[in-house]
């Protein structure tokens, strides 16, 4: 399963919404229940799913899901 598909499953789990479809352009603005708490839950869930760790600076620099996928791929490889 590729990174985007795995990440989408994490999003669906964290936001408890099986209808969520993410794209490279997806941002917090696009998901109604994405607030600061779910943001933290999302980061932790992604770290678990991909067995990686993100620094606060890395997370703060992210502008959209596409950049998040790039960051995950850099850390996984």
N, C-alpha and C. Protein backbone atom coordinates (compact mmCIF):
# COMPACT_ATOMS: atom_id res chain seq x y z
N UNK A 1 0.86 -1.19 0.00
CA UNK A 1 0.00 0.00 0.00
C UNK A 1 0.89 1.24 0.00
N UNK A 2 0.58 2.18 -0.84
CA UNK A 2 1.43 3.37 -0.94
C UNK A 2 1.14 4.38 0.18
N UNK A 3 2.04 5.31 0.36
CA UNK A 3 1.96 6.27 1.46
C UNK A 3 0.62 7.00 1.49
N UNK A 4 0.14 7.47 0.35
CA UNK A 4 -1.11 8.23 0.32
C UNK A 4 -2.28 7.39 0.81
N UNK A 5 -2.33 6.13 0.39
CA UNK A 5 -3.43 5.25 0.83
C UNK A 5 -3.36 4.99 2.32
N UNK A 6 -2.16 4.72 2.82
CA UNK A 6 -2.00 4.48 4.26
C UNK A 6 -2.36 5.74 5.05
N UNK A 7 -1.92 6.89 4.55
CA UNK A 7 -2.20 8.15 5.23
C UNK A 7 -3.71 8.43 5.24
N UNK A 8 -4.36 8.13 4.14
CA UNK A 8 -5.81 8.34 4.08
C UNK A 8 -6.52 7.50 5.14
N UNK A 9 -6.09 6.27 5.35
CA UNK A 9 -6.68 5.43 6.38
C UNK A 9 -6.48 6.04 7.77
N UNK A 10 -5.29 6.62 8.00
CA UNK A 10 -5.02 7.28 9.28
C UNK A 10 -5.96 8.47 9.45
N UNK A 11 -6.13 9.27 8.40
CA UNK A 11 -7.05 10.41 8.45
C UNK A 11 -8.46 9.94 8.79
N UNK A 12 -8.92 8.90 8.12
CA UNK A 12 -10.28 8.38 8.35
C UNK A 12 -10.44 7.91 9.78
N UNK A 13 -9.40 7.29 10.32
CA UNK A 13 -9.44 6.79 11.68
C UNK A 13 -9.45 7.95 12.68
N UNK A 14 -8.54 8.89 12.53
CA UNK A 14 -8.42 10.02 13.46
C UNK A 14 -9.68 10.90 13.45
N UNK A 15 -10.20 11.16 12.25
CA UNK A 15 -11.36 12.03 12.14
C UNK A 15 -12.68 11.26 12.18
N UNK A 16 -12.58 9.92 12.31
CA UNK A 16 -13.75 9.04 12.40
C UNK A 16 -14.73 9.32 11.27
N UNK A 17 -14.18 9.36 10.04
CA UNK A 17 -14.99 9.66 8.86
C UNK A 17 -14.47 8.87 7.66
N UNK A 18 -15.19 7.81 7.30
CA UNK A 18 -14.76 6.95 6.19
C UNK A 18 -14.91 7.61 4.83
N UNK A 19 -15.53 8.78 4.77
CA UNK A 19 -15.74 9.47 3.50
C UNK A 19 -14.58 10.40 3.14
N UNK A 20 -13.65 10.59 4.06
CA UNK A 20 -12.53 11.50 3.79
C UNK A 20 -11.67 10.97 2.65
N UNK A 21 -11.42 11.85 1.69
CA UNK A 21 -10.50 11.54 0.59
C UNK A 21 -9.48 12.67 0.57
N UNK A 22 -8.23 12.31 0.81
CA UNK A 22 -7.18 13.33 0.84
C UNK A 22 -6.51 13.45 -0.52
N UNK A 23 -5.94 14.62 -0.76
CA UNK A 23 -5.13 14.85 -1.96
C UNK A 23 -3.92 15.67 -1.52
N UNK A 24 -2.99 15.89 -2.44
CA UNK A 24 -1.81 16.68 -2.10
C UNK A 24 -2.18 18.09 -1.63
N UNK A 25 -3.29 18.61 -2.12
CA UNK A 25 -3.69 19.98 -1.79
C UNK A 25 -4.52 20.08 -0.51
N UNK A 26 -4.91 18.96 0.08
CA UNK A 26 -5.75 18.98 1.29
C UNK A 26 -5.04 19.72 2.43
N UNK A 27 -5.81 20.61 3.10
CA UNK A 27 -5.31 21.32 4.27
C UNK A 27 -6.34 21.21 5.39
N UNK A 28 -5.99 21.73 6.56
CA UNK A 28 -6.91 21.71 7.69
C UNK A 28 -8.22 22.43 7.37
N UNK A 29 -8.16 23.38 6.46
CA UNK A 29 -9.36 24.13 6.06
C UNK A 29 -10.40 23.23 5.39
N UNK A 30 -9.92 22.13 4.79
CA UNK A 30 -10.80 21.25 4.02
C UNK A 30 -11.55 20.22 4.87
N UNK A 31 -11.11 20.02 6.10
CA UNK A 31 -11.74 19.02 6.96
C UNK A 31 -12.30 19.73 8.19
N UNK A 32 -13.62 19.72 8.26
CA UNK A 32 -14.32 20.52 9.27
C UNK A 32 -13.85 20.27 10.70
N UNK A 33 -13.62 19.00 11.04
CA UNK A 33 -13.27 18.67 12.43
C UNK A 33 -11.77 18.74 12.72
N UNK A 34 -10.98 19.28 11.77
CA UNK A 34 -9.52 19.37 11.96
C UNK A 34 -9.22 20.62 12.78
N UNK A 35 -8.97 20.41 14.07
CA UNK A 35 -8.60 21.52 14.96
C UNK A 35 -7.25 21.17 15.60
N UNK A 36 -6.84 21.96 16.57
CA UNK A 36 -5.50 21.76 17.14
C UNK A 36 -5.38 20.40 17.84
N UNK A 37 -6.44 19.95 18.48
CA UNK A 37 -6.39 18.66 19.17
C UNK A 37 -6.29 17.50 18.17
N UNK A 38 -7.14 17.52 17.15
CA UNK A 38 -7.08 16.44 16.16
C UNK A 38 -5.77 16.51 15.36
N UNK A 39 -5.19 17.70 15.25
CA UNK A 39 -3.90 17.84 14.57
C UNK A 39 -2.84 17.04 15.32
N UNK A 40 -2.81 17.18 16.63
CA UNK A 40 -1.85 16.45 17.46
C UNK A 40 -2.13 14.94 17.35
N UNK A 41 -3.40 14.56 17.43
CA UNK A 41 -3.76 13.14 17.32
C UNK A 41 -3.33 12.58 15.96
N UNK A 42 -3.49 13.38 14.92
CA UNK A 42 -3.11 12.97 13.57
C UNK A 42 -1.60 12.73 13.48
N UNK A 43 -0.82 13.66 14.00
CA UNK A 43 0.64 13.53 13.96
C UNK A 43 1.08 12.27 14.70
N UNK A 44 0.53 12.05 15.89
CA UNK A 44 0.88 10.86 16.68
C UNK A 44 0.48 9.58 15.95
N UNK A 45 -0.70 9.57 15.35
CA UNK A 45 -1.18 8.39 14.62
C UNK A 45 -0.30 8.10 13.40
N UNK A 46 0.13 9.16 12.71
CA UNK A 46 1.00 8.99 11.54
C UNK A 46 2.37 8.47 11.98
N UNK A 47 2.89 9.01 13.08
CA UNK A 47 4.18 8.53 13.60
C UNK A 47 4.11 7.03 13.90
N UNK A 48 2.99 6.60 14.50
CA UNK A 48 2.81 5.18 14.80
C UNK A 48 2.69 4.34 13.54
N UNK A 49 1.84 4.77 12.62
CA UNK A 49 1.59 4.02 11.38
C UNK A 49 2.86 3.81 10.56
N UNK A 50 3.69 4.85 10.49
CA UNK A 50 4.88 4.79 9.63
C UNK A 50 6.18 4.56 10.41
N UNK A 51 6.07 4.42 11.73
CA UNK A 51 7.26 4.21 12.59
C UNK A 51 8.31 5.29 12.37
N UNK A 52 7.85 6.55 12.43
CA UNK A 52 8.74 7.71 12.28
C UNK A 52 8.46 8.70 13.40
N UNK A 53 9.33 9.70 13.52
CA UNK A 53 9.13 10.80 14.48
C UNK A 53 9.31 12.11 13.74
N UNK A 54 8.45 13.07 14.07
CA UNK A 54 8.55 14.40 13.47
C UNK A 54 8.93 15.42 14.54
N UNK A 55 9.73 16.40 14.15
CA UNK A 55 10.04 17.49 15.07
C UNK A 55 8.92 18.53 14.96
N UNK A 56 8.82 19.35 15.98
CA UNK A 56 7.81 20.41 15.97
C UNK A 56 8.01 21.34 14.77
N UNK A 57 9.26 21.65 14.46
CA UNK A 57 9.57 22.53 13.34
C UNK A 57 9.10 21.91 12.03
N UNK A 58 9.36 20.61 11.85
CA UNK A 58 8.92 19.93 10.62
C UNK A 58 7.41 20.03 10.45
N UNK A 59 6.70 19.77 11.53
CA UNK A 59 5.24 19.79 11.48
C UNK A 59 4.73 21.20 11.21
N UNK A 60 5.34 22.19 11.83
CA UNK A 60 4.88 23.57 11.65
C UNK A 60 5.11 24.09 10.23
N UNK A 61 6.10 23.55 9.53
CA UNK A 61 6.41 23.99 8.17
C UNK A 61 5.44 23.44 7.13
N UNK A 62 4.72 22.37 7.47
CA UNK A 62 3.84 21.72 6.50
C UNK A 62 2.69 22.62 6.09
N UNK A 63 2.47 22.72 4.77
CA UNK A 63 1.39 23.57 4.26
C UNK A 63 0.18 22.77 3.80
N UNK A 64 0.42 21.48 3.46
CA UNK A 64 -0.68 20.65 2.96
C UNK A 64 -0.30 19.17 3.07
N UNK A 65 -1.23 18.31 2.71
CA UNK A 65 -1.01 16.87 2.80
C UNK A 65 0.13 16.42 1.88
N UNK A 66 0.26 17.04 0.72
CA UNK A 66 1.34 16.69 -0.20
C UNK A 66 2.71 16.84 0.44
N UNK A 67 2.91 17.93 1.17
CA UNK A 67 4.18 18.15 1.87
C UNK A 67 4.36 17.14 3.00
N UNK A 68 3.23 16.76 3.64
CA UNK A 68 3.27 15.76 4.70
C UNK A 68 3.71 14.41 4.12
N UNK A 69 3.19 14.05 2.96
CA UNK A 69 3.56 12.80 2.30
C UNK A 69 5.05 12.81 1.94
N UNK A 70 5.54 13.93 1.42
CA UNK A 70 6.97 14.05 1.09
C UNK A 70 7.83 13.84 2.33
N UNK A 71 7.42 14.45 3.44
CA UNK A 71 8.17 14.33 4.69
C UNK A 71 8.16 12.88 5.17
N UNK A 72 7.01 12.24 5.13
CA UNK A 72 6.92 10.83 5.53
C UNK A 72 7.85 9.99 4.67
N UNK A 73 7.78 10.18 3.36
CA UNK A 73 8.60 9.39 2.44
C UNK A 73 10.09 9.58 2.68
N UNK A 74 10.52 10.80 3.04
CA UNK A 74 11.93 11.06 3.34
C UNK A 74 12.36 10.27 4.56
N UNK A 75 11.47 10.19 5.55
CA UNK A 75 11.83 9.53 6.81
C UNK A 75 11.74 8.01 6.73
N UNK A 76 10.86 7.51 5.89
CA UNK A 76 10.66 6.07 5.78
C UNK A 76 11.79 5.42 4.99
N UNK A 77 12.30 6.12 4.03
CA UNK A 77 13.35 5.55 3.17
C UNK A 77 14.72 5.67 3.79
